[in-house]
Each structure stands twice: as structure tokens, then as C-alpha cells.
Amino acid sequence: MVTANNALGKSEWYIMEKLWELAPRTYVQLCHELKDDPGWSRSTVQTMLERMTEKGVIRFEVVGRAKQYYPNVARDDVAVAEARSLLERAFAGSASMMMSTLVRKKQLSKEEINELYAILQEAEDKND
């Protein structure tokens, strides 16, 4: 479960994206994949892996002489925690204020509008 104590920082998202997509990954594989984008050195990758393991958002298993890293939190759980955090910080906890701001500032396609209607209808049906 993602909490305020283990919420992901911007840099940690790079590693989590790799692990959610390709787990397990070894230190060497992650170094290679993160060398160009975002341009991290091997020591930066090592530091990030250690910190993220301590936070509990990733875990590893030793296989032979290598550590294989896995995500320890689901992408959906992190997304929900991030959305809740943004909602509280930027919109004083008001989902309607957040949606109003997003809808007014971005031109929505017909498909996006229909999708939002369907989501709201589903929420309304659950409350009946």
C-alpha cells in the first residue's frame, strides 16, 4: 500500500515504470536502461534502488550472484495515492473542483466526454 511515507518521487517513477513493464530487472539491466534517459550513472541507480527498497516500494531476490528487482506496489495503487494527494493539495479535497478545472482548461474530445459520463453514471449507480 502506498502511503505518504513511501509515495514516489519524480526520479523513482523512472525505475517503477521499468519494473512494472519488465520485472524482474537486475541492477545491470536497469543501469543500461536508465543510462540515456534520464541519463543516470551506475551509482545513481544503485542509490535509488537502495532507497526504494528501504521505503518498501520495490523488493529484490538474489538469484545466483545478481539481485533481481520487482515492484512491491501495484501501479494502480500508486496512481490512486498520487491522485488523492493532488486532490488534497491543489483542490482542497474537492473532486468537483478538480474535474471542473481540468475540463475547462482542456478541450475534450467527444470520446473523452462520453467516457467521463460513463464513469459518473457508474458512480451514481453504486450510490443508489
C-alpha atoms as a PDB file:
ATOM      1  CA  MET A   1       0.000   0.000   0.000  1.00  0.00           C
ATOM      2  CA  VAL A   2       1.290   3.444  -0.892  1.00  0.00           C
ATOM      3  CA  THR A   3       1.308   5.988   1.933  1.00  0.00           C
ATOM      4  CA  ALA A   4       2.696   9.478   2.464  1.00  0.00           C
ATOM      5  CA  ASN A   5       5.853   7.832   3.813  1.00  0.00           C
ATOM      6  CA  ASN A   6       6.523   5.815   0.675  1.00  0.00           C
ATOM      7  CA  ALA A   7       4.949   7.959  -2.046  1.00  0.00           C
ATOM      8  CA  LEU A   8       7.048   8.010  -5.190  1.00  0.00           C
ATOM      9  CA  GLY A   9       9.296  10.922  -6.015  1.00  0.00           C
ATOM     10  CA  LYS A  10       9.751  12.033  -9.614  1.00  0.00           C
ATOM     11  CA  SER A  11      13.002  10.092 -10.058  1.00  0.00           C
ATOM     12  CA  GLU A  12      11.537   6.930  -8.562  1.00  0.00           C
ATOM     13  CA  TRP A  13       8.890   6.845 -11.279  1.00  0.00           C
ATOM     14  CA  TYR A  14      11.614   6.046 -13.864  1.00  0.00           C
ATOM     15  CA  ILE A  15      12.566   2.858 -12.042  1.00  0.00           C
ATOM     16  CA  MET A  16       8.991   1.882 -11.237  1.00  0.00           C
ATOM     17  CA  GLU A  17       7.955   2.242 -14.885  1.00  0.00           C
ATOM     18  CA  LYS A  18      10.753  -0.155 -15.891  1.00  0.00           C
ATOM     19  CA  LEU A  19       9.820  -2.647 -13.189  1.00  0.00           C
ATOM     20  CA  TRP A  20       6.085  -2.533 -13.850  1.00  0.00           C
ATOM     21  CA  GLU A  21       6.779  -3.123 -17.531  1.00  0.00           C
ATOM     22  CA  LEU A  22       9.674  -5.577 -17.419  1.00  0.00           C
ATOM     23  CA  ALA A  23      10.117  -7.128 -13.942  1.00  0.00           C
ATOM     24  CA  PRO A  24      12.268  -8.703 -12.841  1.00  0.00           C
ATOM     25  CA  ARG A  25      15.227  -6.492 -13.737  1.00  0.00           C
ATOM     26  CA  THR A  26      18.773  -6.735 -12.454  1.00  0.00           C
ATOM     27  CA  TYR A  27      20.923  -3.800 -11.396  1.00  0.00           C
ATOM     28  CA  VAL A  28      22.944  -4.133 -14.621  1.00  0.00           C
ATOM     29  CA  GLN A  29      19.809  -4.156 -16.783  1.00  0.00           C
ATOM     30  CA  LEU A  30      18.402  -1.103 -15.014  1.00  0.00           C
ATOM     31  CA  CYS A  31      21.722   0.751 -15.353  1.00  0.00           C
ATOM     32  CA  HIS A  32      21.715   0.078 -19.087  1.00  0.00           C
ATOM     33  CA  GLU A  33      18.059   1.106 -19.493  1.00  0.00           C
ATOM     34  CA  LEU A  34      18.419   4.323 -17.445  1.00  0.00           C
ATOM     35  CA  LYS A  35      21.812   5.384 -18.829  1.00  0.00           C
ATOM     36  CA  ASP A  36      20.438   7.534 -21.655  1.00  0.00           C
ATOM     37  CA  ASP A  37      17.032   8.514 -20.311  1.00  0.00           C
ATOM     38  CA  PRO A  38      17.182  10.052 -17.711  1.00  0.00           C
ATOM     39  CA  GLY A  39      20.980   9.842 -18.040  1.00  0.00           C
ATOM     40  CA  TRP A  40      21.815   8.289 -14.683  1.00  0.00           C
ATOM     41  CA  SER A  41      25.199   6.940 -13.631  1.00  0.00           C
ATOM     42  CA  ARG A  42      25.543   3.474 -12.132  1.00  0.00           C
ATOM     43  CA  SER A  43      25.968   4.960  -8.655  1.00  0.00           C
ATOM     44  CA  THR A  44      22.723   6.937  -9.018  1.00  0.00           C
ATOM     45  CA  VAL A  45      20.836   3.771  -9.975  1.00  0.00           C
ATOM     46  CA  GLN A  46      22.365   1.921  -7.009  1.00  0.00           C
ATOM     47  CA  THR A  47      21.407   4.713  -4.599  1.00  0.00           C
ATOM     48  CA  MET A  48      17.858   4.846  -5.955  1.00  0.00           C
ATOM     49  CA  LEU A  49      17.442   1.068  -5.659  1.00  0.00           C
ATOM     50  CA  GLU A  50      18.670   1.109  -2.054  1.00  0.00           C
ATOM     51  CA  ARG A  51      16.350   3.962  -1.059  1.00  0.00           C
ATOM     52  CA  MET A  52      13.349   2.442  -2.808  1.00  0.00           C
ATOM     53  CA  THR A  53      13.993  -0.930  -1.147  1.00  0.00           C
ATOM     54  CA  GLU A  54      14.168   0.785   2.254  1.00  0.00           C
ATOM     55  CA  LYS A  55      10.874   2.566   1.513  1.00  0.00           C
ATOM     56  CA  GLY A  56       9.302  -0.773   0.646  1.00  0.00           C
ATOM     57  CA  VAL A  57       8.165   0.157  -2.867  1.00  0.00           C
ATOM     58  CA  ILE A  58      10.493  -2.387  -4.501  1.00  0.00           C
ATOM     59  CA  ARG A  59      11.967  -5.681  -3.369  1.00  0.00           C
ATOM     60  CA  PHE A  60      14.676  -7.978  -4.627  1.00  0.00           C
ATOM     61  CA  GLU A  61      15.567 -11.640  -4.732  1.00  0.00           C
ATOM     62  CA  VAL A  62      19.120 -12.895  -5.009  1.00  0.00           C
ATOM     63  CA  VAL A  63      19.474 -15.233  -7.973  1.00  0.00           C
ATOM     64  CA  GLY A  64      22.988 -16.554  -8.336  1.00  0.00           C
ATOM     65  CA  ARG A  65      25.190 -13.507  -7.833  1.00  0.00           C
ATOM     66  CA  ALA A  66      22.621 -10.967  -9.033  1.00  0.00           C
ATOM     67  CA  LYS A  67      19.750  -9.201  -7.334  1.00  0.00           C
ATOM     68  CA  GLN A  68      16.537  -9.253  -9.307  1.00  0.00           C
ATOM     69  CA  TYR A  69      14.279  -6.298  -8.535  1.00  0.00           C
ATOM     70  CA  TYR A  70      10.481  -6.369  -8.515  1.00  0.00           C
ATOM     71  CA  PRO A  71       7.824  -3.740  -7.846  1.00  0.00           C
ATOM     72  CA  ASN A  72       6.361  -4.106  -4.370  1.00  0.00           C
ATOM     73  CA  VAL A  73       3.383  -1.824  -5.063  1.00  0.00           C
ATOM     74  CA  ALA A  74       0.859  -2.000  -7.887  1.00  0.00           C
ATOM     75  CA  ARG A  75       0.724   0.757 -10.485  1.00  0.00           C
ATOM     76  CA  ASP A  76      -2.994   1.302  -9.779  1.00  0.00           C
ATOM     77  CA  ASP A  77      -2.348   1.752  -6.048  1.00  0.00           C
ATOM     78  CA  VAL A  78       0.337   4.345  -6.737  1.00  0.00           C
ATOM     79  CA  ALA A  79      -1.895   6.170  -9.226  1.00  0.00           C
ATOM     80  CA  VAL A  80      -4.761   6.342  -6.713  1.00  0.00           C
ATOM     81  CA  ALA A  81      -2.446   7.606  -3.959  1.00  0.00           C
ATOM     82  CA  GLU A  82      -0.971  10.245  -6.276  1.00  0.00           C
ATOM     83  CA  ALA A  83      -4.428  11.386  -7.392  1.00  0.00           C
ATOM     84  CA  ARG A  84      -5.629  11.646  -3.793  1.00  0.00           C
ATOM     85  CA  SER A  85      -2.537  13.619  -2.844  1.00  0.00           C
ATOM     86  CA  LEU A  86      -3.047  16.035  -5.740  1.00  0.00           C
ATOM     87  CA  LEU A  87      -6.733  16.366  -4.893  1.00  0.00           C
ATOM     88  CA  GLU A  88      -5.933  17.293  -1.287  1.00  0.00           C
ATOM     89  CA  ARG A  89      -3.028  19.641  -2.073  1.00  0.00           C
ATOM     90  CA  ALA A  90      -4.331  21.506  -5.099  1.00  0.00           C
ATOM     91  CA  PHE A  91      -8.108  21.334  -4.765  1.00  0.00           C
ATOM     92  CA  ALA A  92      -8.749  21.219  -1.000  1.00  0.00           C
ATOM     93  CA  GLY A  93     -10.159  17.708  -1.393  1.00  0.00           C
ATOM     94  CA  SER A  94     -12.868  18.784  -3.845  1.00  0.00           C
ATOM     95  CA  ALA A  95     -13.210  16.303  -6.708  1.00  0.00           C
ATOM     96  CA  SER A  96     -15.748  18.536  -8.441  1.00  0.00           C
ATOM     97  CA  MET A  97     -13.339  21.499  -8.332  1.00  0.00           C
ATOM     98  CA  MET A  98     -10.575  19.342  -9.789  1.00  0.00           C
ATOM     99  CA  MET A  99     -12.771  17.990 -12.595  1.00  0.00           C
ATOM    100  CA  SER A 100     -14.155  21.448 -13.348  1.00  0.00           C
ATOM    101  CA  THR A 101     -10.643  22.870 -13.635  1.00  0.00           C
ATOM    102  CA  LEU A 102      -9.428  20.050 -15.855  1.00  0.00           C
ATOM    103  CA  VAL A 103     -12.470  20.137 -18.133  1.00  0.00           C
ATOM    104  CA  ARG A 104     -12.449  23.909 -18.540  1.00  0.00           C
ATOM    105  CA  LYS A 105      -8.727  24.138 -19.247  1.00  0.00           C
ATOM    106  CA  LYS A 106      -8.576  21.283 -21.756  1.00  0.00           C
ATOM    107  CA  GLN A 107     -10.693  20.840 -24.839  1.00  0.00           C
ATOM    108  CA  LEU A 108     -12.162  17.360 -24.507  1.00  0.00           C
ATOM    109  CA  SER A 109     -12.931  15.078 -27.397  1.00  0.00           C
ATOM    110  CA  LYS A 110     -16.414  13.590 -27.740  1.00  0.00           C
ATOM    111  CA  GLU A 111     -14.921  10.233 -26.753  1.00  0.00           C
ATOM    112  CA  GLU A 112     -13.423  11.667 -23.546  1.00  0.00           C
ATOM    113  CA  ILE A 113     -16.719  13.355 -22.646  1.00  0.00           C
ATOM    114  CA  ASN A 114     -18.614  10.083 -23.165  1.00  0.00           C
ATOM    115  CA  GLU A 115     -16.058   8.257 -21.039  1.00  0.00           C
ATOM    116  CA  LEU A 116     -16.487  10.799 -18.224  1.00  0.00           C
ATOM    117  CA  TYR A 117     -20.280  10.444 -18.429  1.00  0.00           C
ATOM    118  CA  ALA A 118     -19.955   6.668 -18.160  1.00  0.00           C
ATOM    119  CA  ILE A 119     -17.670   6.952 -15.123  1.00  0.00           C
ATOM    120  CA  LEU A 120     -20.067   9.345 -13.391  1.00  0.00           C
ATOM    121  CA  GLN A 121     -23.070   7.152 -14.240  1.00  0.00           C
ATOM    122  CA  GLU A 122     -21.310   4.118 -12.778  1.00  0.00           C
ATOM    123  CA  ALA A 123     -20.533   6.073  -9.594  1.00  0.00           C
ATOM    124  CA  GLU A 124     -24.142   7.233  -9.349  1.00  0.00           C
ATOM    125  CA  ASP A 125     -25.454   3.684  -9.834  1.00  0.00           C
ATOM    126  CA  LYS A 126     -23.225   2.437  -6.994  1.00  0.00           C
ATOM    127  CA  ASN A 127     -24.649   5.085  -4.658  1.00  0.00           C
ATOM    128  CA  ASP A 128     -28.302   4.177  -5.387  1.00  0.00           C
END
